[in-house]
All heavy atoms as atom14 arrays in JSON, in Angstrom:
{
  "sequence": "ARRRPGARARTLRAAGLELDPVRRTVLRDGRPLELSVKEFAVLEALL",
  "atom14_mask": [
    [1, 1, 1, 1, 1, 0, 0, 0, 0, 0, 0, 0, 0, 0],
    [1, 1, 1, 1, 1, 1, 1, 1, 1, 1, 1, 0, 0, 0],
    [1, 1, 1, 1, 1, 1, 1, 1, 1, 1, 1, 0, 0, 0],
    [1, 1, 1, 1, 1, 1, 1, 1, 1, 1, 1, 0, 0, 0],
    [1, 1, 1, 1, 1, 1, 1, 0, 0, 0, 0, 0, 0, 0],
    [1, 1, 1, 1, 0, 0, 0, 0, 0, 0, 0, 0, 0, 0],
    [1, 1, 1, 1, 1, 0, 0, 0, 0, 0, 0, 0, 0, 0],
    [1, 1, 1, 1, 1, 1, 1, 1, 1, 1, 1, 0, 0, 0],
    [1, 1, 1, 1, 1, 0, 0, 0, 0, 0, 0, 0, 0, 0],
    [1, 1, 1, 1, 1, 1, 1, 1, 1, 1, 1, 0, 0, 0],
    [1, 1, 1, 1, 1, 1, 1, 0, 0, 0, 0, 0, 0, 0],
    [1, 1, 1, 1, 1, 1, 1, 1, 0, 0, 0, 0, 0, 0],
    [1, 1, 1, 1, 1, 1, 1, 1, 1, 1, 1, 0, 0, 0],
    [1, 1, 1, 1, 1, 0, 0, 0, 0, 0, 0, 0, 0, 0],
    [1, 1, 1, 1, 1, 0, 0, 0, 0, 0, 0, 0, 0, 0],
    [1, 1, 1, 1, 0, 0, 0, 0, 0, 0, 0, 0, 0, 0],
    [1, 1, 1, 1, 1, 1, 1, 1, 0, 0, 0, 0, 0, 0],
    [1, 1, 1, 1, 1, 1, 1, 1, 1, 0, 0, 0, 0, 0],
    [1, 1, 1, 1, 1, 1, 1, 1, 0, 0, 0, 0, 0, 0],
    [1, 1, 1, 1, 1, 1, 1, 1, 0, 0, 0, 0, 0, 0],
    [1, 1, 1, 1, 1, 1, 1, 0, 0, 0, 0, 0, 0, 0],
    [1, 1, 1, 1, 1, 1, 1, 0, 0, 0, 0, 0, 0, 0],
    [1, 1, 1, 1, 1, 1, 1, 1, 1, 1, 1, 0, 0, 0],
    [1, 1, 1, 1, 1, 1, 1, 1, 1, 1, 1, 0, 0, 0],
    [1, 1, 1, 1, 1, 1, 1, 0, 0, 0, 0, 0, 0, 0],
    [1, 1, 1, 1, 1, 1, 1, 0, 0, 0, 0, 0, 0, 0],
    [1, 1, 1, 1, 1, 1, 1, 1, 0, 0, 0, 0, 0, 0],
    [1, 1, 1, 1, 1, 1, 1, 1, 1, 1, 1, 0, 0, 0],
    [1, 1, 1, 1, 1, 1, 1, 1, 0, 0, 0, 0, 0, 0],
    [1, 1, 1, 1, 0, 0, 0, 0, 0, 0, 0, 0, 0, 0],
    [1, 1, 1, 1, 1, 1, 1, 1, 1, 1, 1, 0, 0, 0],
    [1, 1, 1, 1, 1, 1, 1, 0, 0, 0, 0, 0, 0, 0],
    [1, 1, 1, 1, 1, 1, 1, 1, 0, 0, 0, 0, 0, 0],
    [1, 1, 1, 1, 1, 1, 1, 1, 1, 0, 0, 0, 0, 0],
    [1, 1, 1, 1, 1, 1, 1, 1, 0, 0, 0, 0, 0, 0],
    [1, 1, 1, 1, 1, 1, 0, 0, 0, 0, 0, 0, 0, 0],
    [1, 1, 1, 1, 1, 1, 1, 0, 0, 0, 0, 0, 0, 0],
    [1, 1, 1, 1, 1, 1, 1, 1, 1, 0, 0, 0, 0, 0],
    [1, 1, 1, 1, 1, 1, 1, 1, 1, 0, 0, 0, 0, 0],
    [1, 1, 1, 1, 1, 1, 1, 1, 1, 1, 1, 0, 0, 0],
    [1, 1, 1, 1, 1, 0, 0, 0, 0, 0, 0, 0, 0, 0],
    [1, 1, 1, 1, 1, 1, 1, 0, 0, 0, 0, 0, 0, 0],
    [1, 1, 1, 1, 1, 1, 1, 1, 0, 0, 0, 0, 0, 0],
    [1, 1, 1, 1, 1, 1, 1, 1, 1, 0, 0, 0, 0, 0],
    [1, 1, 1, 1, 1, 0, 0, 0, 0, 0, 0, 0, 0, 0],
    [1, 1, 1, 1, 1, 1, 1, 1, 0, 0, 0, 0, 0, 0],
    [1, 1, 1, 1, 1, 1, 1, 1, 0, 0, 0, 0, 0, 0]
  ],
  "atom14_positions": [
    [[-80.77, 17.88, -60.87], [-79.82, 18.98, -61.04], [-79.76, 19.84, -59.78], [-78.68, 20.3, -59.38], [-80.2, 19.82, -62.25], [0.0, 0.0, 0.0], [0.0, 0.0, 0.0], [0.0, 0.0, 0.0], [0.0, 0.0, 0.0], [0.0, 0.0, 0.0], [0.0, 0.0, 0.0], [0.0, 0.0, 0.0], [0.0, 0.0, 0.0], [0.0, 0.0, 0.0]],
    [[-80.9, 20.04, -59.12], [-80.92, 20.83, -57.89], [-80.22, 20.09, -56.75], [-79.67, 20.72, -55.85], [-82.36, 21.16, -57.47], [-83.07, 22.11, -58.42], [-84.31, 22.68, -57.76], [-85.25, 21.66, -57.32], [-86.2, 21.14, -58.08], [-86.3, 21.5, -59.35], [-87.02, 20.23, -57.59], [0.0, 0.0, 0.0], [0.0, 0.0, 0.0], [0.0, 0.0, 0.0]],
    [[-80.25, 18.77, -56.78], [-79.65, 17.97, -55.72], [-78.15, 17.75, -55.92], [-77.48, 17.27, -55.01], [-80.33, 16.6, -55.65], [-81.73, 16.63, -55.05], [-82.45, 15.32, -55.3], [-81.6, 14.15, -55.03], [-81.89, 12.92, -55.47], [-82.97, 12.72, -56.21], [-81.09, 11.91, -55.18], [0.0, 0.0, 0.0], [0.0, 0.0, 0.0], [0.0, 0.0, 0.0]],
    [[-77.65, 18.1, -57.1], [-76.23, 17.86, -57.37], [-75.38, 18.63, -56.36], [-75.65, 19.79, -56.06], [-75.89, 18.32, -58.79], [-74.49, 17.93, -59.23], [-74.23, 18.36, -60.65], [-72.93, 17.91, -61.1], [-72.08, 18.64, -61.8], [-72.4, 19.88, -62.14], [-70.92, 18.15, -62.18], [0.0, 0.0, 0.0], [0.0, 0.0, 0.0], [0.0, 0.0, 0.0]],
    [[-74.34, 18.01, -55.83], [-73.48, 18.71, -54.87], [-72.97, 20.02, -55.45], [-72.51, 20.09, -56.59], [-72.33, 17.72, -54.66], [-72.93, 16.39, -54.93], [-73.94, 16.62, -56.03], [0.0, 0.0, 0.0], [0.0, 0.0, 0.0], [0.0, 0.0, 0.0], [0.0, 0.0, 0.0], [0.0, 0.0, 0.0], [0.0, 0.0, 0.0], [0.0, 0.0, 0.0]],
    [[-73.1, 21.08, -54.67], [-72.66, 22.39, -55.13], [-73.74, 23.18, -55.83], [-73.53, 24.33, -56.2], [0.0, 0.0, 0.0], [0.0, 0.0, 0.0], [0.0, 0.0, 0.0], [0.0, 0.0, 0.0], [0.0, 0.0, 0.0], [0.0, 0.0, 0.0], [0.0, 0.0, 0.0], [0.0, 0.0, 0.0], [0.0, 0.0, 0.0], [0.0, 0.0, 0.0]],
    [[-74.93, 22.58, -56.03], [-76.02, 23.31, -56.68], [-76.45, 24.47, -55.79], [-76.48, 24.37, -54.57], [-77.2, 22.39, -56.95], [0.0, 0.0, 0.0], [0.0, 0.0, 0.0], [0.0, 0.0, 0.0], [0.0, 0.0, 0.0], [0.0, 0.0, 0.0], [0.0, 0.0, 0.0], [0.0, 0.0, 0.0], [0.0, 0.0, 0.0], [0.0, 0.0, 0.0]],
    [[-76.82, 25.55, -56.43], [-77.23, 26.75, -55.7], [-78.69, 26.66, -55.27], [-79.43, 25.78, -55.67], [-77.03, 27.98, -56.6], [-75.59, 28.25, -56.94], [-74.87, 29.05, -55.88], [-75.42, 30.38, -55.8], [-75.04, 31.4, -56.57], [-74.11, 31.23, -57.5], [-75.57, 32.6, -56.43], [0.0, 0.0, 0.0], [0.0, 0.0, 0.0], [0.0, 0.0, 0.0]],
    [[-79.11, 27.62, -54.46], [-80.5, 27.7, -54.02], [-81.45, 27.81, -55.2], [-81.06, 28.27, -56.28], [-80.68, 28.91, -53.1], [0.0, 0.0, 0.0], [0.0, 0.0, 0.0], [0.0, 0.0, 0.0], [0.0, 0.0, 0.0], [0.0, 0.0, 0.0], [0.0, 0.0, 0.0], [0.0, 0.0, 0.0], [0.0, 0.0, 0.0], [0.0, 0.0, 0.0]],
    [[-82.7, 27.41, -54.99], [-83.64, 27.33, -56.09], [-83.84, 28.68, -56.76], [-83.77, 28.8, -57.97], [-84.99, 26.79, -55.6], [-85.96, 26.55, -56.74], [-87.25, 25.96, -56.24], [-88.04, 26.94, -55.52], [-89.22, 26.68, -54.98], [-89.7, 25.45, -55.02], [-89.9, 27.61, -54.35], [0.0, 0.0, 0.0], [0.0, 0.0, 0.0], [0.0, 0.0, 0.0]],
    [[-84.14, 29.72, -55.99], [-84.35, 31.05, -56.57], [-83.02, 31.79, -56.62], [-82.33, 31.93, -55.6], [-85.37, 31.86, -55.75], [-86.62, 31.15, -55.75], [-85.58, 33.22, -56.37], [0.0, 0.0, 0.0], [0.0, 0.0, 0.0], [0.0, 0.0, 0.0], [0.0, 0.0, 0.0], [0.0, 0.0, 0.0], [0.0, 0.0, 0.0], [0.0, 0.0, 0.0]],
    [[-82.64, 32.24, -57.8], [-81.38, 32.95, -58.01], [-81.65, 34.44, -58.01], [-82.57, 34.91, -58.71], [-80.75, 32.51, -59.33], [-80.55, 31.0, -59.51], [-80.05, 30.69, -60.9], [-79.59, 30.46, -58.46], [0.0, 0.0, 0.0], [0.0, 0.0, 0.0], [0.0, 0.0, 0.0], [0.0, 0.0, 0.0], [0.0, 0.0, 0.0], [0.0, 0.0, 0.0]],
    [[-80.87, 35.21, -57.26], [-81.11, 36.65, -57.14], [-79.81, 37.42, -57.31], [-78.79, 37.05, -56.74], [-81.71, 36.99, -55.78], [-83.08, 36.37, -55.51], [-83.61, 36.78, -54.15], [-84.96, 36.31, -53.91], [-85.26, 35.13, -53.39], [-84.28, 34.31, -53.02], [-86.51, 34.75, -53.21], [0.0, 0.0, 0.0], [0.0, 0.0, 0.0], [0.0, 0.0, 0.0]],
    [[-79.87, 38.5, -58.07], [-78.75, 39.43, -58.2], [-79.23, 40.64, -58.98], [-80.02, 40.52, -59.92], [-77.56, 38.78, -58.92], [0.0, 0.0, 0.0], [0.0, 0.0, 0.0], [0.0, 0.0, 0.0], [0.0, 0.0, 0.0], [0.0, 0.0, 0.0], [0.0, 0.0, 0.0], [0.0, 0.0, 0.0], [0.0, 0.0, 0.0], [0.0, 0.0, 0.0]],
    [[-78.75, 41.81, -58.59], [-78.99, 43.06, -59.32], [-80.47, 43.3, -59.63], [-80.82, 43.76, -60.72], [-78.18, 43.04, -60.63], [0.0, 0.0, 0.0], [0.0, 0.0, 0.0], [0.0, 0.0, 0.0], [0.0, 0.0, 0.0], [0.0, 0.0, 0.0], [0.0, 0.0, 0.0], [0.0, 0.0, 0.0], [0.0, 0.0, 0.0], [0.0, 0.0, 0.0]],
    [[-81.34, 43.0, -58.67], [-82.76, 43.23, -58.86], [-83.46, 42.16, -59.66], [-84.67, 42.26, -59.93], [0.0, 0.0, 0.0], [0.0, 0.0, 0.0], [0.0, 0.0, 0.0], [0.0, 0.0, 0.0], [0.0, 0.0, 0.0], [0.0, 0.0, 0.0], [0.0, 0.0, 0.0], [0.0, 0.0, 0.0], [0.0, 0.0, 0.0], [0.0, 0.0, 0.0]],
    [[-82.74, 41.11, -60.05], [-83.33, 40.01, -60.82], [-83.64, 38.85, -59.88], [-82.89, 38.56, -58.96], [-82.37, 39.54, -61.9], [-82.0, 40.54, -62.99], [-80.86, 40.0, -63.83], [-83.21, 40.85, -63.86], [0.0, 0.0, 0.0], [0.0, 0.0, 0.0], [0.0, 0.0, 0.0], [0.0, 0.0, 0.0], [0.0, 0.0, 0.0], [0.0, 0.0, 0.0]],
    [[-84.75, 38.16, -60.15], [-85.09, 36.94, -59.44], [-85.49, 35.89, -60.48], [-86.41, 36.12, -61.25], [-86.25, 37.16, -58.47], [-85.9, 38.05, -57.29], [-87.02, 38.08, -56.26], [-87.88, 37.17, -56.28], [-87.04, 39.02, -55.45], [0.0, 0.0, 0.0], [0.0, 0.0, 0.0], [0.0, 0.0, 0.0], [0.0, 0.0, 0.0], [0.0, 0.0, 0.0]],
    [[-84.78, 34.77, -60.49], [-85.08, 33.71, -61.45], [-85.36, 32.43, -60.69], [-84.57, 32.0, -59.85], [-83.9, 33.52, -62.41], [-84.06, 32.47, -63.52], [-83.31, 32.9, -64.79], [-83.54, 31.11, -63.05], [0.0, 0.0, 0.0], [0.0, 0.0, 0.0], [0.0, 0.0, 0.0], [0.0, 0.0, 0.0], [0.0, 0.0, 0.0], [0.0, 0.0, 0.0]],
    [[-86.51, 31.82, -60.98], [-86.9, 30.56, -60.37], [-86.82, 29.47, -61.44], [-87.67, 29.4, -62.33], [-88.32, 30.64, -59.82], [-88.71, 29.42, -59.0], [-88.25, 28.31, -59.34], [-89.48, 29.56, -58.03], [0.0, 0.0, 0.0], [0.0, 0.0, 0.0], [0.0, 0.0, 0.0], [0.0, 0.0, 0.0], [0.0, 0.0, 0.0], [0.0, 0.0, 0.0]],
    [[-85.79, 28.59, -61.39], [-85.64, 27.57, -62.42], [-86.77, 26.55, -62.45], [-87.0, 25.93, -63.48], [-84.31, 26.88, -62.05], [-83.6, 27.85, -61.16], [-84.7, 28.56, -60.41], [0.0, 0.0, 0.0], [0.0, 0.0, 0.0], [0.0, 0.0, 0.0], [0.0, 0.0, 0.0], [0.0, 0.0, 0.0], [0.0, 0.0, 0.0], [0.0, 0.0, 0.0]],
    [[-87.45, 26.34, -61.31], [-88.52, 25.36, -61.26], [-89.79, 25.9, -61.9], [-90.4, 25.27, -62.77], [-88.79, 24.92, -59.81], [-89.96, 23.96, -59.75], [-87.54, 24.28, -59.21], [0.0, 0.0, 0.0], [0.0, 0.0, 0.0], [0.0, 0.0, 0.0], [0.0, 0.0, 0.0], [0.0, 0.0, 0.0], [0.0, 0.0, 0.0], [0.0, 0.0, 0.0]],
    [[-90.19, 27.08, -61.48], [-91.4, 27.68, -62.04], [-91.16, 28.36, -63.39], [-92.1, 28.77, -64.06], [-91.98, 28.71, -61.05], [-92.45, 28.08, -59.75], [-93.13, 29.12, -58.87], [-93.67, 28.54, -57.67], [-93.0, 28.36, -56.55], [-91.73, 28.75, -56.48], [-93.56, 27.81, -55.49], [0.0, 0.0, 0.0], [0.0, 0.0, 0.0], [0.0, 0.0, 0.0]],
    [[-89.87, 28.47, -63.76], [-89.49, 29.09, -65.04], [-89.98, 30.52, -65.12], [-90.56, 30.97, -66.11], [-90.05, 28.28, -66.24], [-89.79, 26.8, -66.18], [-88.34, 26.45, -66.24], [-87.73, 26.73, -67.52], [-86.43, 26.72, -67.77], [-85.59, 26.44, -66.78], [-85.96, 26.98, -68.97], [0.0, 0.0, 0.0], [0.0, 0.0, 0.0], [0.0, 0.0, 0.0]],
    [[-89.75, 31.27, -64.04], [-90.18, 32.67, -63.98], [-88.97, 33.58, -63.76], [-87.99, 33.18, -63.12], [-91.19, 32.91, -62.85], [-90.59, 32.53, -61.59], [-92.45, 32.1, -63.08], [0.0, 0.0, 0.0], [0.0, 0.0, 0.0], [0.0, 0.0, 0.0], [0.0, 0.0, 0.0], [0.0, 0.0, 0.0], [0.0, 0.0, 0.0], [0.0, 0.0, 0.0]],
    [[-89.07, 34.8, -64.28], [-88.04, 35.82, -64.08], [-88.72, 37.13, -63.72], [-89.69, 37.54, -64.36], [-87.2, 36.03, -65.36], [-86.16, 37.13, -65.13], [-86.52, 34.75, -65.78], [0.0, 0.0, 0.0], [0.0, 0.0, 0.0], [0.0, 0.0, 0.0], [0.0, 0.0, 0.0], [0.0, 0.0, 0.0], [0.0, 0.0, 0.0], [0.0, 0.0, 0.0]],
    [[-88.2, 37.78, -62.68], [-88.69, 39.1, -62.28], [-87.53, 40.08, -62.29], [-86.4, 39.72, -61.94], [-89.28, 39.06, -60.87], [-90.43, 38.09, -60.57], [-90.79, 38.17, -59.09], [-91.64, 38.4, -61.43], [0.0, 0.0, 0.0], [0.0, 0.0, 0.0], [0.0, 0.0, 0.0], [0.0, 0.0, 0.0], [0.0, 0.0, 0.0], [0.0, 0.0, 0.0]],
    [[-87.81, 41.31, -62.71], [-86.84, 42.38, -62.51], [-87.52, 43.47, -61.71], [-88.51, 44.07, -62.16], [-86.32, 42.95, -63.82], [-85.35, 44.1, -63.52], [-84.47, 44.53, -64.62], [-83.46, 45.46, -64.09], [-82.62, 46.16, -64.82], [-82.62, 46.02, -66.14], [-81.76, 46.98, -64.25], [0.0, 0.0, 0.0], [0.0, 0.0, 0.0], [0.0, 0.0, 0.0]],
    [[-86.99, 43.71, -60.54], [-87.6, 44.68, -59.62], [-89.09, 44.4, -59.44], [-89.91, 45.32, -59.4], [-87.37, 46.1, -60.13], [-85.89, 46.45, -60.22], [-85.12, 45.97, -59.36], [-85.5, 47.17, -61.15], [0.0, 0.0, 0.0], [0.0, 0.0, 0.0], [0.0, 0.0, 0.0], [0.0, 0.0, 0.0], [0.0, 0.0, 0.0], [0.0, 0.0, 0.0]],
    [[-89.43, 43.11, -59.34], [-90.81, 42.69, -59.13], [-91.64, 42.61, -60.38], [-92.8, 42.18, -60.32], [0.0, 0.0, 0.0], [0.0, 0.0, 0.0], [0.0, 0.0, 0.0], [0.0, 0.0, 0.0], [0.0, 0.0, 0.0], [0.0, 0.0, 0.0], [0.0, 0.0, 0.0], [0.0, 0.0, 0.0], [0.0, 0.0, 0.0], [0.0, 0.0, 0.0]],
    [[-91.09, 42.99, -61.53], [-91.84, 42.98, -62.79], [-91.54, 41.7, -63.56], [-90.39, 41.39, -63.83], [-91.45, 44.2, -63.63], [-92.08, 44.25, -65.02], [-91.74, 45.57, -65.7], [-90.29, 45.76, -65.8], [-89.57, 45.34, -66.83], [-90.12, 44.67, -67.83], [-88.25, 45.59, -66.86], [0.0, 0.0, 0.0], [0.0, 0.0, 0.0], [0.0, 0.0, 0.0]],
    [[-92.59, 40.92, -63.92], [-92.35, 39.67, -64.65], [-91.86, 39.94, -66.07], [-92.27, 40.91, -66.72], [-93.72, 38.99, -64.65], [-94.7, 40.09, -64.47], [-94.03, 41.13, -63.64], [0.0, 0.0, 0.0], [0.0, 0.0, 0.0], [0.0, 0.0, 0.0], [0.0, 0.0, 0.0], [0.0, 0.0, 0.0], [0.0, 0.0, 0.0], [0.0, 0.0, 0.0]],
    [[-90.96, 39.06, -66.53], [-90.41, 39.17, -67.87], [-90.72, 37.91, -68.66], [-90.74, 36.81, -68.1], [-88.89, 39.37, -67.82], [-88.37, 40.57, -67.03], [-86.85, 40.54, -66.98], [-88.86, 41.87, -67.67], [0.0, 0.0, 0.0], [0.0, 0.0, 0.0], [0.0, 0.0, 0.0], [0.0, 0.0, 0.0], [0.0, 0.0, 0.0], [0.0, 0.0, 0.0]],
    [[-90.92, 38.07, -69.96], [-91.15, 36.93, -70.85], [-89.88, 36.7, -71.67], [-89.51, 37.54, -72.49], [-92.34, 37.2, -71.77], [-93.69, 37.3, -71.07], [-94.11, 35.95, -70.48], [-93.71, 34.9, -71.05], [-94.81, 35.94, -69.46], [0.0, 0.0, 0.0], [0.0, 0.0, 0.0], [0.0, 0.0, 0.0], [0.0, 0.0, 0.0], [0.0, 0.0, 0.0]],
    [[-89.22, 35.58, -71.42], [-87.99, 35.26, -72.11], [-88.15, 33.99, -72.94], [-88.93, 33.11, -72.58], [-86.84, 35.06, -71.11], [-86.53, 36.19, -70.15], [-85.35, 35.81, -69.26], [-86.24, 37.49, -70.88], [0.0, 0.0, 0.0], [0.0, 0.0, 0.0], [0.0, 0.0, 0.0], [0.0, 0.0, 0.0], [0.0, 0.0, 0.0], [0.0, 0.0, 0.0]],
    [[-87.38, 33.91, -74.01], [-87.34, 32.67, -74.79], [-86.59, 31.6, -73.99], [-85.95, 31.89, -72.97], [-86.65, 32.89, -76.13], [-85.25, 33.06, -75.94], [0.0, 0.0, 0.0], [0.0, 0.0, 0.0], [0.0, 0.0, 0.0], [0.0, 0.0, 0.0], [0.0, 0.0, 0.0], [0.0, 0.0, 0.0], [0.0, 0.0, 0.0], [0.0, 0.0, 0.0]],
    [[-86.66, 30.36, -74.46], [-85.99, 29.26, -73.77], [-84.49, 29.53, -73.63], [-83.91, 29.36, -72.56], [-86.25, 27.94, -74.53], [-85.33, 26.84, -74.01], [-87.7, 27.52, -74.37], [0.0, 0.0, 0.0], [0.0, 0.0, 0.0], [0.0, 0.0, 0.0], [0.0, 0.0, 0.0], [0.0, 0.0, 0.0], [0.0, 0.0, 0.0], [0.0, 0.0, 0.0]],
    [[-83.84, 29.95, -74.71], [-82.39, 30.19, -74.67], [-82.05, 31.43, -73.86], [-81.05, 31.45, -73.13], [-81.83, 30.32, -76.09], [-81.8, 29.0, -76.84], [-80.96, 27.96, -76.12], [-80.84, 26.67, -76.91], [-80.2, 25.58, -76.14], [0.0, 0.0, 0.0], [0.0, 0.0, 0.0], [0.0, 0.0, 0.0], [0.0, 0.0, 0.0], [0.0, 0.0, 0.0]],
    [[-82.85, 32.48, -73.94], [-82.61, 33.68, -73.13], [-82.69, 33.33, -71.65], [-81.85, 33.78, -70.86], [-83.63, 34.76, -73.49], [-83.44, 35.34, -74.88], [-84.68, 36.04, -75.4], [-85.7, 36.09, -74.68], [-84.64, 36.52, -76.55], [0.0, 0.0, 0.0], [0.0, 0.0, 0.0], [0.0, 0.0, 0.0], [0.0, 0.0, 0.0], [0.0, 0.0, 0.0]],
    [[-83.68, 32.53, -71.28], [-83.82, 32.1, -69.89], [-82.6, 31.31, -69.45], [-82.05, 31.52, -68.36], [-85.09, 31.25, -69.74], [-85.43, 30.89, -68.32], [-86.36, 31.62, -67.6], [-84.83, 29.8, -67.7], [-86.68, 31.29, -66.29], [-85.13, 29.46, -66.39], [-86.06, 30.21, -65.69], [0.0, 0.0, 0.0], [0.0, 0.0, 0.0], [0.0, 0.0, 0.0]],
    [[-82.14, 30.39, -70.31], [-81.01, 29.54, -69.96], [-79.72, 30.36, -69.81], [-78.9, 30.1, -68.92], [-80.83, 28.45, -71.0], [0.0, 0.0, 0.0], [0.0, 0.0, 0.0], [0.0, 0.0, 0.0], [0.0, 0.0, 0.0], [0.0, 0.0, 0.0], [0.0, 0.0, 0.0], [0.0, 0.0, 0.0], [0.0, 0.0, 0.0], [0.0, 0.0, 0.0]],
    [[-79.52, 31.35, -70.68], [-78.34, 32.22, -70.57], [-78.39, 33.01, -69.26], [-77.4, 33.09, -68.53], [-78.26, 33.18, -71.77], [-77.24, 34.29, -71.51], [-77.86, 32.41, -73.03], [0.0, 0.0, 0.0], [0.0, 0.0, 0.0], [0.0, 0.0, 0.0], [0.0, 0.0, 0.0], [0.0, 0.0, 0.0], [0.0, 0.0, 0.0], [0.0, 0.0, 0.0]],
    [[-79.55, 33.57, -68.95], [-79.68, 34.34, -67.71], [-79.46, 33.45, -66.5], [-78.77, 33.84, -65.54], [-81.06, 35.0, -67.65], [-81.3, 35.9, -66.43], [-80.3, 37.04, -66.38], [-82.74, 36.44, -66.45], [0.0, 0.0, 0.0], [0.0, 0.0, 0.0], [0.0, 0.0, 0.0], [0.0, 0.0, 0.0], [0.0, 0.0, 0.0], [0.0, 0.0, 0.0]],
    [[-80.0, 32.23, -66.52], [-79.8, 31.31, -65.4], [-78.31, 31.0, -65.22], [-77.8, 31.0, -64.09], [-80.57, 30.02, -65.64], [-80.42, 29.01, -64.52], [-81.23, 27.74, -64.74], [-81.99, 27.66, -65.74], [-81.09, 26.81, -63.92], [0.0, 0.0, 0.0], [0.0, 0.0, 0.0], [0.0, 0.0, 0.0], [0.0, 0.0, 0.0], [0.0, 0.0, 0.0]],
    [[-77.62, 30.74, -66.32], [-76.19, 30.43, -66.23], [-75.41, 31.6, -65.64], [-74.53, 31.41, -64.79], [-75.65, 30.07, -67.61], [0.0, 0.0, 0.0], [0.0, 0.0, 0.0], [0.0, 0.0, 0.0], [0.0, 0.0, 0.0], [0.0, 0.0, 0.0], [0.0, 0.0, 0.0], [0.0, 0.0, 0.0], [0.0, 0.0, 0.0], [0.0, 0.0, 0.0]],
    [[-75.72, 32.82, -66.07], [-75.02, 34.0, -65.56], [-75.33, 34.24, -64.08], [-74.44, 34.6, -63.31], [-75.4, 35.23, -66.38], [-74.85, 35.27, -67.81], [-75.47, 36.43, -68.59], [-73.33, 35.39, -67.81], [0.0, 0.0, 0.0], [0.0, 0.0, 0.0], [0.0, 0.0, 0.0], [0.0, 0.0, 0.0], [0.0, 0.0, 0.0], [0.0, 0.0, 0.0]],
    [[-76.59, 34.02, -63.7], [-76.95, 34.23, -62.3], [-76.29, 33.19, -61.39], [-75.95, 33.48, -60.24], [-78.47, 34.19, -62.14], [-79.22, 35.44, -62.58], [-80.72, 35.19, -62.63], [-78.92, 36.62, -61.66], [0.0, 0.0, 0.0], [0.0, 0.0, 0.0], [0.0, 0.0, 0.0], [0.0, 0.0, 0.0], [0.0, 0.0, 0.0], [0.0, 0.0, 0.0]]
  ]
}
């Protein structure tokens, strides 16, 4: 999925959020967040 043409950079960043799809981590302003599988997927899609 990361190699697919047009795929974005591994770490997604916007509005103080950092999402790493590989490590499955989310930070807001440096603070780690615990998200459910679907919450993570929704945030990844929006980012």
